[in-house]
């Protein structure tokens, strides 16, 4: 008779698959970091047995879109608060390197300059690494409660070869980017990501991205994209992504699919049928979504792309120039071809400060409110903040409507992501601490938008399949022992915009690599997490 390290008795297993019998009663045994499913009540010995009658046992949740590349590398309690928020809601694997931004790869001579910029973007000295192996080694030196996988960011590749400059790559530079990408994917990175609204990624044309996506295709790994426009030109931007996938041969994954800004509300009624039709034609195409009508990004992204040509130092120099500010003001009012223009599609009254480390009194206020209090034009207020914070300001943008969010959540090819931006301090978007519990509590139990097995599949098995995480995302004999035990009648998000790190209710325990990292809703102190190689 097998002696298990942990035995969960009496629970309803939801195994993470889309099969008809995805939900069934079974006991779950854990031995040496692997799983075994047993008929209910079958005799077995275990070092620790837990009665989970009335509860649900699922695979550990996989957050397919995070910006948690560096938060675990930042010392101090504020960093630890951010790290634990994901684990407490059942996330056993985070996938970072999204929106074209990762902490690798780069040519050695570019590392120092990129490290300074990464400090601004990630809220601390997190480093930049020549390749995936160096990134993995840095995280291995800092014990983690959960696992981490990473995409290769196109913007990082571009900056790592040619710097943050607004021009096409030369053939030699593109060859160098392809070589760095090829090595990172061979070392275990999970795919290629772009953030085509962000500098320096936005400076690249379609052909450059096709060449890089073809490298991902050769490795059998996906092209993951923050579209060039999620607002008034979202359909055009989706077609660019489709073109890149077709020409490169890469599977396509659309990040945090949304139709944001007043000119795009309701457009999911067109984008989702288009995606469904492409899938019906045989295209390997999926997306992810977070369950909120607000997004979060950096304040610098509210300015036209040319303003950041040359990097953060060049941006702040332009912001200090009254003539350049007036030029930016006109660009926002009139638009720039190919630029998303968040403010022009919404307004400064929809943009609130999430994190301004040197001026925390501004956090929670909108740019419009701060401008009114100062008697300023909002652009001047935003520019002054970026200067005062040396470029380090995170924002929340209230830009979507609930009907669009629900349509994407319900789509059979969408998976769940937080798009969390866990920088120490401030008032981050509550999605980092609340996404998965919010889907299970609000959209499953309260609204009935999804049934529980479908929601769990979107959080687990579907995600593992998309990103090559073999043996994860499912409860089956021999699978990795990453588990969540939850109460379906009580699970709910606690995080709010005012208190964004409040833990969820109803998450009883979380197991990573066979070790219990959360018990009765509190961390145990176990740190079995690793950097995964896809």
Protein backbone atom coordinates (compact mmCIF):
# COMPACT_ATOMS: atom_id res chain seq x y z
CA UNK A 1 0.00 0.00 0.00
CA UNK A 2 1.44 3.37 -1.07
CA UNK A 3 2.27 5.82 1.68
CA UNK A 4 1.57 9.37 0.51
CA UNK A 5 3.07 12.61 1.76
CA UNK A 6 -0.41 14.21 1.67
CA UNK A 7 -3.86 12.74 1.16
CA UNK A 8 -6.97 14.82 0.48
CA UNK A 9 -10.13 12.88 1.32
CA UNK A 10 -13.75 13.49 0.38
CA UNK A 11 -13.48 16.41 -2.02
CA UNK A 12 -15.04 17.06 -5.41
CA UNK A 13 -12.20 16.92 -7.92
CA UNK A 14 -12.42 19.28 -10.90
CA UNK A 15 -9.53 18.04 -12.95
CA UNK A 16 -8.81 21.01 -15.24
CA UNK A 17 -9.79 19.27 -18.47
CA UNK A 18 -12.75 20.00 -20.70
CA UNK A 19 -13.97 16.39 -20.55
CA UNK A 20 -17.56 15.48 -19.60
CA UNK A 21 -16.35 13.89 -16.35
CA UNK A 22 -14.06 16.80 -15.39
CA UNK A 23 -15.93 17.00 -12.05
CA UNK A 24 -16.09 13.84 -9.96
CA UNK A 25 -15.55 12.64 -6.42
CA UNK A 26 -12.08 11.24 -5.79
CA UNK A 27 -9.34 11.26 -3.20
CA UNK A 28 -6.07 12.92 -4.16
CA UNK A 29 -2.71 11.61 -3.04
CA UNK A 30 0.61 13.47 -3.24
CA UNK A 31 3.93 11.65 -3.26
CA UNK A 32 7.31 13.22 -4.07
CA UNK A 33 5.68 16.13 -5.85
CA UNK A 34 3.41 14.03 -8.05
CA UNK A 35 -0.28 13.18 -7.97
CA UNK A 36 -2.37 10.03 -7.74
CA UNK A 37 -6.18 9.95 -7.95
CA UNK A 38 -7.90 7.29 -5.85
CA UNK A 39 -11.50 6.07 -5.65
CA UNK A 40 -13.25 7.72 -2.70
CA UNK A 41 -12.37 5.99 0.55
CA UNK A 42 -9.81 3.60 -0.93
CA UNK A 43 -7.44 2.47 1.85
CA UNK A 44 -4.17 4.41 1.83
CA UNK A 45 -1.54 5.60 4.28
CA UNK A 46 -0.35 9.19 4.43
CA UNK A 47 1.97 11.32 6.52
CA UNK A 48 -0.81 13.95 6.51
CA UNK A 49 -4.48 13.35 5.73
CA UNK A 50 -6.98 16.20 5.31
CA UNK A 51 -10.75 15.86 5.17
CA UNK A 52 -11.92 18.19 2.40
CA UNK A 53 -15.53 17.03 2.31
CA UNK A 54 -17.73 19.77 0.86
CA UNK A 55 -14.76 21.44 -0.81
CA UNK A 56 -13.42 21.39 -4.36
CA UNK A 57 -9.92 20.28 -5.35
CA UNK A 58 -8.55 21.79 -8.57
CA UNK A 59 -5.19 22.07 -10.29
CA UNK A 60 -3.17 25.08 -9.26
CA UNK A 61 -4.20 28.19 -11.18
CA UNK A 62 -1.93 29.39 -14.00
CA UNK A 63 -1.87 33.16 -14.42
CA UNK A 64 -1.00 33.44 -18.11
CA UNK A 65 -0.35 37.18 -18.13
CA UNK A 66 1.64 38.90 -15.40
CA UNK A 67 4.32 41.56 -15.08
CA UNK A 68 5.83 39.82 -12.06
CA UNK A 69 9.24 39.37 -13.72
CA UNK A 70 11.14 41.13 -10.96
CA UNK A 71 9.01 41.58 -7.87
CA UNK A 72 10.43 38.53 -6.07
CA UNK A 73 13.93 39.94 -6.61
CA UNK A 74 13.13 43.15 -4.72
CA UNK A 75 14.10 43.08 -1.07
CA UNK A 76 11.80 44.28 1.70
CA UNK A 77 8.35 43.66 3.11
CA UNK A 78 6.54 45.63 0.40
CA UNK A 79 7.91 43.23 -2.20
CA UNK A 80 6.85 40.26 -0.09
CA UNK A 81 3.31 41.65 0.20
CA UNK A 82 3.09 41.71 -3.58
CA UNK A 83 4.54 38.22 -4.00
CA UNK A 84 2.13 36.58 -1.58
CA UNK A 85 -0.99 38.16 -3.12
CA UNK A 86 -0.89 35.81 -6.10
CA UNK A 87 -0.29 32.68 -4.02
CA UNK A 88 -3.12 33.44 -1.60
CA UNK A 89 -5.64 33.32 -4.46
CA UNK A 90 -4.36 29.96 -5.68
CA UNK A 91 -1.91 30.92 -8.42
CA UNK A 92 0.76 28.22 -8.51
CA UNK A 93 2.35 29.36 -11.79
CA UNK A 94 2.84 32.90 -13.13
CA UNK A 95 3.77 33.60 -16.74
CA UNK A 96 5.68 36.88 -17.06
CA UNK A 97 7.55 38.58 -19.90
CA UNK A 98 4.30 39.91 -21.36
CA UNK A 99 3.52 42.98 -23.46
CA UNK A 100 6.96 42.91 -25.04
CA UNK A 101 8.77 43.44 -21.73
CA UNK A 102 10.97 40.80 -20.11
CA UNK A 103 14.20 40.89 -18.10
CA UNK A 104 16.20 39.17 -20.85
CA UNK A 105 17.82 38.86 -23.40
CA UNK A 106 20.33 41.55 -24.31
CA UNK A 107 23.81 42.04 -25.63
CA UNK A 108 26.33 42.48 -22.77
CA UNK A 109 27.11 46.06 -23.70
CA UNK A 110 23.44 47.04 -23.32
CA UNK A 111 22.89 45.56 -19.85
CA UNK A 112 23.84 48.55 -17.70
CA UNK A 113 21.60 51.02 -19.56
CA UNK A 114 18.71 48.55 -19.58
CA UNK A 115 19.14 47.80 -15.89
CA UNK A 116 18.57 51.48 -15.08
CA UNK A 117 15.36 51.53 -17.15
CA UNK A 118 14.17 48.24 -15.65
CA UNK A 119 14.51 49.77 -12.19
CA UNK A 120 11.91 52.36 -13.21
CA UNK A 121 9.55 49.92 -14.90
CA UNK A 122 9.66 47.22 -12.21
CA UNK A 123 10.02 49.35 -9.07
CA UNK A 124 13.46 48.24 -7.94
CA UNK A 125 16.87 46.96 -8.93
CA UNK A 126 15.76 43.70 -10.52
CA UNK A 127 18.57 43.37 -13.06
CA UNK A 128 18.57 42.58 -16.78
CA UNK A 129 20.09 39.33 -18.03
CA UNK A 130 21.87 38.19 -21.17
CA UNK A 131 19.59 35.17 -21.51
CA UNK A 132 16.87 33.05 -19.96
CA UNK A 133 19.42 31.01 -18.01
CA UNK A 134 20.67 34.09 -16.14
CA UNK A 135 17.10 35.17 -15.39
CA UNK A 136 16.27 31.69 -14.05
CA UNK A 137 19.41 31.65 -11.90
CA UNK A 138 18.50 35.01 -10.32
CA UNK A 139 15.10 33.68 -9.30
CA UNK A 140 16.55 30.37 -8.10
CA UNK A 141 18.62 32.36 -5.61
CA UNK A 142 15.45 33.86 -4.10
CA UNK A 143 13.12 31.09 -2.85
CA UNK A 144 9.61 31.32 -4.30
CA UNK A 145 6.29 30.01 -3.04
CA UNK A 146 5.04 29.41 -6.59
CA UNK A 147 6.46 28.76 -10.05
CA UNK A 148 7.43 31.29 -12.71
CA UNK A 149 7.67 30.95 -16.49
CA UNK A 150 8.62 33.74 -18.88
CA UNK A 151 8.04 34.83 -22.43
CA UNK A 152 10.68 36.75 -24.38
CA UNK A 153 9.69 40.41 -24.73
CA UNK A 154 10.10 41.91 -28.19
CA UNK A 155 10.66 45.38 -26.75
CA UNK A 156 13.45 43.99 -24.57
CA UNK A 157 14.98 42.19 -27.54
CA UNK A 158 14.89 45.41 -29.55
CA UNK A 159 16.40 47.51 -26.79
CA UNK A 160 18.90 44.77 -26.02
CA UNK A 161 20.29 44.91 -29.54
CA UNK A 162 19.72 48.44 -30.88
CA UNK A 163 18.57 50.56 -27.95
CA UNK A 164 15.21 52.30 -27.39
CA UNK A 165 15.28 54.14 -30.72
CA UNK A 166 12.54 55.05 -33.20
CA UNK A 167 13.80 53.56 -36.46
CA UNK A 168 13.62 50.26 -38.35
CA UNK A 169 16.08 47.55 -37.41
CA UNK A 170 18.88 46.93 -39.88
CA UNK A 171 19.18 43.40 -41.33
CA UNK A 172 22.13 42.75 -39.02
CA UNK A 173 20.20 43.97 -35.99
CA UNK A 174 17.21 41.82 -36.86
CA UNK A 175 19.49 38.80 -37.28
CA UNK A 176 20.94 39.52 -33.83
CA UNK A 177 17.43 39.74 -32.32
CA UNK A 178 16.47 36.44 -33.94
CA UNK A 179 19.62 34.78 -32.58
CA UNK A 180 18.97 36.02 -29.03
CA UNK A 181 15.36 34.88 -29.24
CA UNK A 182 16.35 31.48 -30.61
CA UNK A 183 18.74 30.91 -27.71
CA UNK A 184 16.22 32.02 -25.08
CA UNK A 185 13.51 29.74 -26.46
CA UNK A 186 15.95 26.83 -26.58
CA UNK A 187 16.81 27.49 -22.93
CA UNK A 188 13.16 27.24 -21.93
CA UNK A 189 11.37 30.56 -22.47
CA UNK A 190 7.68 30.02 -23.19
CA UNK A 191 7.19 32.11 -26.34
CA UNK A 192 7.52 35.57 -27.88
CA UNK A 193 5.51 38.55 -26.65
CA UNK A 194 4.95 41.97 -28.14
CA UNK A 195 3.53 45.17 -26.70
CA UNK A 196 2.89 47.14 -29.85
CA UNK A 197 1.55 50.21 -28.03
CA UNK A 198 4.68 50.49 -25.90
CA UNK A 199 8.06 51.91 -26.81
CA UNK A 200 10.32 50.58 -28.20
CA UNK A 201 8.05 47.82 -29.55
CA UNK A 202 5.74 50.30 -31.22
CA UNK A 203 8.65 51.48 -33.39
CA UNK A 204 8.72 48.10 -35.16
CA UNK A 205 6.84 47.34 -38.34
CA UNK A 206 4.92 44.17 -39.09
CA UNK A 207 7.76 42.57 -41.07
CA UNK A 208 10.12 42.74 -38.08
CA UNK A 209 7.60 40.97 -35.86
CA UNK A 210 6.93 38.32 -38.52
CA UNK A 211 10.64 37.45 -38.64
CA UNK A 212 10.77 37.03 -34.86
CA UNK A 213 7.49 35.11 -34.65
CA UNK A 214 8.89 32.68 -37.21
CA UNK A 215 11.64 31.83 -34.71
CA UNK A 216 8.98 31.09 -32.08
CA UNK A 217 7.13 28.93 -34.62
CA UNK A 218 10.24 26.83 -35.23
CA UNK A 219 10.30 26.09 -31.50
CA UNK A 220 6.58 25.28 -31.46
CA UNK A 221 5.94 28.22 -29.12
CA UNK A 222 3.27 30.92 -29.41
CA UNK A 223 3.30 34.52 -30.52
CA UNK A 224 1.63 36.45 -27.68
CA UNK A 225 0.58 40.02 -28.39
CA UNK A 226 -0.71 43.14 -26.75
CA UNK A 227 -2.30 44.44 -29.94
CA UNK A 228 -1.11 47.68 -31.51
CA UNK A 229 -4.48 49.22 -30.66
CA UNK A 230 -7.20 47.99 -28.28
CA UNK A 231 -9.33 51.08 -28.79
CA UNK A 232 -10.77 52.68 -31.93
CA UNK A 233 -8.55 50.60 -34.28
CA UNK A 234 -8.84 47.30 -32.45
CA UNK A 235 -10.16 45.38 -35.45
CA UNK A 236 -7.31 46.61 -37.65
CA UNK A 237 -4.82 45.69 -34.93
CA UNK A 238 -6.31 42.20 -34.64
CA UNK A 239 -5.87 41.74 -38.38
CA UNK A 240 -2.19 42.69 -38.08
CA UNK A 241 -1.77 39.98 -35.44
CA UNK A 242 -3.51 37.47 -37.69
CA UNK A 243 -1.19 38.43 -40.56
CA UNK A 244 1.86 37.93 -38.34
CA UNK A 245 0.62 34.49 -37.29
CA UNK A 246 -0.15 33.42 -40.85
CA UNK A 247 3.11 34.62 -42.34
CA UNK A 248 5.26 33.26 -39.50
CA UNK A 249 3.42 30.01 -38.85
CA UNK A 250 3.22 30.74 -35.12
CA UNK A 251 0.23 30.04 -32.92
CA UNK A 252 -1.42 33.31 -31.92
CA UNK A 253 -2.46 34.37 -28.42
CA UNK A 254 -4.08 37.80 -27.90
CA UNK A 255 -3.28 39.29 -24.51
CA UNK A 256 -6.03 40.72 -22.25
CA UNK A 257 -8.47 41.04 -25.13
CA UNK A 258 -10.58 44.14 -24.73
CA UNK A 259 -12.28 46.87 -26.71
CA UNK A 260 -11.49 49.93 -24.64
CA UNK A 261 -12.31 53.62 -24.88
CA UNK A 262 -15.64 55.14 -25.78
CA UNK A 263 -15.06 54.69 -29.53
CA UNK A 264 -14.63 50.92 -29.14
CA UNK A 265 -17.25 49.92 -26.58
CA UNK A 266 -19.26 47.02 -27.94
CA UNK A 267 -16.69 46.03 -30.55
CA UNK A 268 -16.32 42.57 -28.98
CA UNK A 269 -19.51 41.84 -30.92
CA UNK A 270 -17.27 41.96 -33.98
CA UNK A 271 -13.84 40.87 -32.72
CA UNK A 272 -15.06 37.69 -31.03
CA UNK A 273 -16.96 36.35 -34.09
CA UNK A 274 -13.85 37.12 -36.15
CA UNK A 275 -11.70 35.08 -33.77
CA UNK A 276 -14.25 32.24 -33.77
CA UNK A 277 -14.29 32.21 -37.58
CA UNK A 278 -10.50 32.07 -37.76
CA UNK A 279 -10.46 29.17 -35.33
CA UNK A 280 -13.10 27.38 -37.39
CA UNK A 281 -10.81 27.78 -40.40
CA UNK A 282 -8.05 26.03 -38.47
CA UNK A 283 -6.02 28.89 -37.00
CA UNK A 284 -4.46 28.17 -33.61
CA UNK A 285 -5.78 31.30 -31.88
CA UNK A 286 -6.61 31.97 -28.23
CA UNK A 287 -6.79 34.95 -25.87
CA UNK A 288 -6.84 35.84 -22.21
CA UNK A 289 -8.93 38.28 -20.17
CA UNK A 290 -9.12 39.81 -16.71
CA UNK A 291 -12.50 40.32 -14.97
CA UNK A 292 -12.45 44.09 -14.53
CA UNK A 293 -13.45 47.15 -16.55
CA UNK A 294 -10.24 49.00 -15.67
CA UNK A 295 -6.72 48.38 -16.91
CA UNK A 296 -3.34 49.41 -15.55
CA UNK A 297 -0.13 50.54 -17.20
CA UNK A 298 2.54 53.24 -16.99
CA UNK A 299 1.76 56.94 -17.20
CA UNK A 300 4.43 57.38 -19.88
CA UNK A 301 2.26 55.33 -22.27
CA UNK A 302 -0.25 58.19 -22.30
CA UNK A 303 2.19 60.28 -24.35
CA UNK A 304 2.84 59.87 -28.11
CA UNK A 305 5.50 57.28 -29.02
CA UNK A 306 7.98 59.80 -30.42
CA UNK A 307 8.21 61.39 -26.98
CA UNK A 308 10.08 58.35 -25.64
CA UNK A 309 12.51 57.97 -28.57
CA UNK A 310 15.82 57.34 -26.81
CA UNK A 311 14.40 55.97 -23.55
CA UNK A 312 13.31 57.40 -20.20
CA UNK A 313 16.05 60.04 -20.02
CA UNK A 314 15.05 61.38 -23.43
CA UNK A 315 11.37 61.35 -22.44
CA UNK A 316 11.96 63.34 -19.28
CA UNK A 317 14.11 65.85 -21.18
CA UNK A 318 11.24 66.45 -23.62
CA UNK A 319 8.73 66.72 -20.78
CA UNK A 320 10.81 69.53 -19.27
CA UNK A 321 10.57 71.52 -22.52
CA UNK A 322 7.39 73.68 -22.75
CA UNK A 323 7.50 73.57 -26.54
CA UNK A 324 7.66 69.78 -26.56
CA UNK A 325 4.76 69.64 -24.09
CA UNK A 326 2.67 71.73 -26.47
CA UNK A 327 3.57 69.36 -29.29
CA UNK A 328 2.45 66.41 -27.13
CA UNK A 329 -0.77 68.23 -26.27
CA UNK A 330 -1.54 68.62 -29.97
CA UNK A 331 -0.71 64.97 -30.64
CA UNK A 332 -3.22 63.84 -28.02
CA UNK A 333 -5.89 66.21 -29.33
CA UNK A 334 -5.36 65.39 -33.00
CA UNK A 335 -4.04 61.82 -32.84
CA UNK A 336 -0.94 60.23 -34.35
CA UNK A 337 -1.23 57.61 -37.13
CA UNK A 338 -0.79 54.14 -35.67
CA UNK A 339 -0.93 55.28 -32.02
CA UNK A 340 -3.61 54.04 -29.62
CA UNK A 341 -3.98 57.43 -27.79
CA UNK A 342 -5.61 56.34 -24.53
CA UNK A 343 -6.30 59.89 -23.35
CA UNK A 344 -7.84 60.89 -26.68
CA UNK A 345 -10.13 57.87 -26.50
CA UNK A 346 -11.11 58.40 -22.89
CA UNK A 347 -9.86 61.43 -21.00
CA UNK A 348 -7.61 62.36 -18.10
CA UNK A 349 -10.60 61.97 -15.77
CA UNK A 350 -10.51 58.19 -16.36
CA UNK A 351 -6.83 57.84 -15.43
CA UNK A 352 -5.92 57.56 -11.74
CA UNK A 353 -2.52 57.28 -10.09
CA UNK A 354 -1.73 53.79 -8.79
CA UNK A 355 1.89 54.22 -7.73
CA UNK A 356 4.02 57.35 -7.39
CA UNK A 357 6.70 56.37 -4.84
CA UNK A 358 7.91 59.87 -4.03
CA UNK A 359 4.41 61.41 -3.92
CA UNK A 360 2.06 58.82 -2.38
CA UNK A 361 -0.49 61.54 -1.60
CA UNK A 362 -1.41 61.53 -5.30
CA UNK A 363 -2.29 57.82 -5.35
CA UNK A 364 -5.98 57.15 -5.89
CA UNK A 365 -6.66 60.55 -7.50
CA UNK A 366 -7.25 61.05 -11.20
CA UNK A 367 -4.94 63.19 -13.30
CA UNK A 368 -7.90 65.51 -13.93
CA UNK A 369 -8.52 65.91 -10.18
CA UNK A 370 -4.86 66.63 -9.48
CA UNK A 371 -4.76 69.14 -12.34
CA UNK A 372 -7.85 70.96 -11.07
CA UNK A 373 -6.36 71.20 -7.58
CA UNK A 374 -3.17 72.67 -9.03
CA UNK A 375 -4.89 74.94 -11.54
CA UNK A 376 -3.08 73.21 -14.41
CA UNK A 377 -3.81 71.62 -17.75
CA UNK A 378 -3.88 67.83 -17.12
CA UNK A 379 -1.02 67.17 -19.52
CA UNK A 380 1.20 69.50 -17.51
CA UNK A 381 0.22 67.71 -14.32
CA UNK A 382 1.08 64.33 -15.88
CA UNK A 383 4.36 65.69 -17.22
CA UNK A 384 5.30 67.22 -13.87
CA UNK A 385 4.57 63.90 -12.13
CA UNK A 386 6.79 61.96 -14.50
CA UNK A 387 9.59 64.46 -13.98
CA UNK A 388 9.22 64.37 -10.19
CA UNK A 389 9.14 60.56 -10.18
CA UNK A 390 11.91 60.16 -12.78
CA UNK A 391 9.47 58.32 -15.04
CA UNK A 392 8.20 55.89 -12.39
CA UNK A 393 4.40 56.34 -12.29
CA UNK A 394 1.84 53.54 -12.67
CA UNK A 395 -1.78 54.31 -13.48
CA UNK A 396 -5.21 52.71 -13.59
CA UNK A 397 -7.34 53.44 -16.66
CA UNK A 398 -11.11 53.04 -16.38
CA UNK A 399 -11.71 52.39 -20.05
CA UNK A 400 -14.01 49.39 -20.58
CA UNK A 401 -17.64 48.38 -20.17
CA UNK A 402 -18.95 45.29 -18.41
CA UNK A 403 -20.76 43.77 -21.39
CA UNK A 404 -17.48 43.51 -23.33
CA UNK A 405 -15.70 41.93 -20.36
CA UNK A 406 -18.42 39.31 -20.00
CA UNK A 407 -18.38 38.43 -23.69
CA UNK A 408 -14.66 37.73 -23.62
CA UNK A 409 -14.86 35.78 -20.36
CA UNK A 410 -17.55 33.55 -21.85
CA UNK A 411 -15.68 32.87 -25.11
CA UNK A 412 -14.67 29.19 -25.22
CA UNK A 413 -11.09 30.00 -26.25
CA UNK A 414 -10.35 32.61 -23.55
CA UNK A 415 -8.30 31.88 -20.47
CA UNK A 416 -7.95 33.86 -17.25
CA UNK A 417 -5.13 36.29 -16.52
CA UNK A 418 -4.53 39.02 -13.98
CA UNK A 419 -2.26 41.29 -16.04
CA UNK A 420 -1.01 42.19 -12.58
CA UNK A 421 1.67 44.87 -12.23
CA UNK A 422 3.12 44.06 -8.79
CA UNK A 423 5.40 46.97 -7.97
CA UNK A 424 6.12 47.60 -4.29
CA UNK A 425 3.99 50.28 -2.68
CA UNK A 426 1.12 52.36 -3.95
CA UNK A 427 -2.39 51.24 -4.80
CA UNK A 428 -2.01 48.63 -7.54
CA UNK A 429 -4.96 47.37 -9.54
CA UNK A 430 -6.87 44.83 -7.40
CA UNK A 431 -6.63 42.25 -10.19
CA UNK A 432 -3.23 41.13 -8.89
CA UNK A 433 -4.82 39.85 -5.68
CA UNK A 434 -8.39 39.22 -6.83
CA UNK A 435 -8.69 37.96 -10.41
CA UNK A 436 -9.14 34.22 -9.93
CA UNK A 437 -11.35 34.44 -6.85
CA UNK A 438 -13.43 37.11 -8.60
CA UNK A 439 -14.10 34.86 -11.59
CA UNK A 440 -15.07 31.94 -9.34
CA UNK A 441 -17.19 33.99 -6.95
CA UNK A 442 -18.79 36.72 -9.05
CA UNK A 443 -18.93 35.33 -12.58
CA UNK A 444 -19.46 31.64 -11.74
CA UNK A 445 -21.47 31.52 -8.51
CA UNK A 446 -23.28 34.86 -8.54
CA UNK A 447 -23.91 35.49 -12.25
CA UNK A 448 -23.76 31.97 -13.68
CA UNK A 449 -21.81 33.25 -16.70
CA UNK A 450 -19.62 30.13 -16.55
CA UNK A 451 -20.00 26.81 -14.82
CA UNK A 452 -17.29 25.79 -12.37
CA UNK A 453 -15.55 23.12 -14.51
CA UNK A 454 -15.37 25.52 -17.45
CA UNK A 455 -13.91 28.31 -15.33
CA UNK A 456 -11.36 25.95 -13.80
CA UNK A 457 -10.35 24.72 -17.26
CA UNK A 458 -9.73 28.31 -18.36
CA UNK A 459 -7.48 28.79 -15.31
CA UNK A 460 -5.58 25.51 -15.56
CA UNK A 461 -5.59 22.92 -18.34
CA UNK A 462 -6.22 25.33 -21.21
CA UNK A 463 -3.41 27.59 -20.00
CA UNK A 464 -0.94 24.72 -19.56
CA UNK A 465 -1.66 23.48 -23.07
CA UNK A 466 -1.15 26.89 -24.63
CA UNK A 467 2.20 27.56 -22.95
CA UNK A 468 3.75 24.10 -23.05
CA UNK A 469 3.63 23.41 -19.31
CA UNK A 470 3.60 19.64 -19.56
CA UNK A 471 2.09 17.76 -16.63
CA UNK A 472 0.56 20.89 -15.14
CA UNK A 473 -2.95 22.30 -15.14
CA UNK A 474 -4.58 18.89 -14.69
CA UNK A 475 -5.31 16.46 -11.88
CA UNK A 476 -4.24 13.07 -13.18
CA UNK A 477 -1.96 10.26 -12.14
CA UNK A 478 1.65 11.39 -12.40
CA UNK A 479 0.90 15.09 -12.91
CA UNK A 480 2.82 17.72 -10.95
CA UNK A 481 1.30 18.25 -7.51
CA UNK A 482 0.15 21.87 -7.84
CA UNK A 483 -3.29 22.09 -6.21
CA UNK A 484 -5.95 24.41 -4.86
CA UNK A 485 -8.61 23.47 -2.30
CA UNK A 486 -11.50 25.92 -2.26
CA UNK A 487 -15.03 26.37 -1.02
CA UNK A 488 -17.23 27.07 -4.06
CA UNK A 489 -19.95 28.53 -1.83
CA UNK A 490 -17.60 31.06 -0.23
CA UNK A 491 -14.82 31.87 -2.69
CA UNK A 492 -14.77 35.61 -3.41
CA UNK A 493 -12.29 38.38 -4.10
CA UNK A 494 -11.48 40.74 -1.26
CA UNK A 495 -9.25 43.19 -3.13
CA UNK A 496 -10.68 46.60 -4.00
CA UNK A 497 -9.29 49.73 -5.64
CA UNK A 498 -9.04 51.30 -2.17
CA UNK A 499 -7.51 48.20 -0.54
CA UNK A 500 -5.96 46.29 -3.47
CA UNK A 501 -4.06 43.57 -1.59
CA UNK A 502 -6.84 42.22 0.61
CA UNK A 503 -6.80 38.41 0.30
CA UNK A 504 -9.72 36.42 -1.07
CA UNK A 505 -12.17 34.32 0.90
CA UNK A 506 -12.76 30.65 0.35
CA UNK A 507 -9.25 29.55 -0.69
CA UNK A 508 -8.51 26.93 1.95
CA UNK A 509 -5.15 25.60 0.85
CA UNK A 510 -2.65 25.81 -1.99
CA UNK A 511 -0.08 23.13 -2.77
CA UNK A 512 2.99 23.74 -4.95
CA UNK A 513 5.31 20.90 -5.98
CA UNK A 514 3.71 18.74 -3.29
CA UNK A 515 4.27 21.21 -0.45
CA UNK A 516 1.48 23.18 1.22
CA UNK A 517 2.25 26.88 0.75
CA UNK A 518 -1.15 28.17 1.95
CA UNK A 519 -3.19 26.56 4.72
CA UNK A 520 -6.48 27.97 6.03
CA UNK A 521 -5.92 31.07 3.92
CA UNK A 522 -2.46 31.90 5.35
CA UNK A 523 1.04 31.30 4.04
CA UNK A 524 2.97 28.46 5.63
CA UNK A 525 6.42 29.76 4.74
CA UNK A 526 7.21 26.89 2.37
CA UNK A 527 9.12 27.97 -0.75
CA UNK A 528 9.12 25.10 -3.27
CA UNK A 529 8.59 27.22 -6.41
CA UNK A 530 10.94 27.10 -9.38
CA UNK A 531 11.44 28.76 -12.76
CA UNK A 532 9.76 26.49 -15.30
CA UNK A 533 11.15 25.70 -18.71
CA UNK A 534 8.46 25.36 -21.33
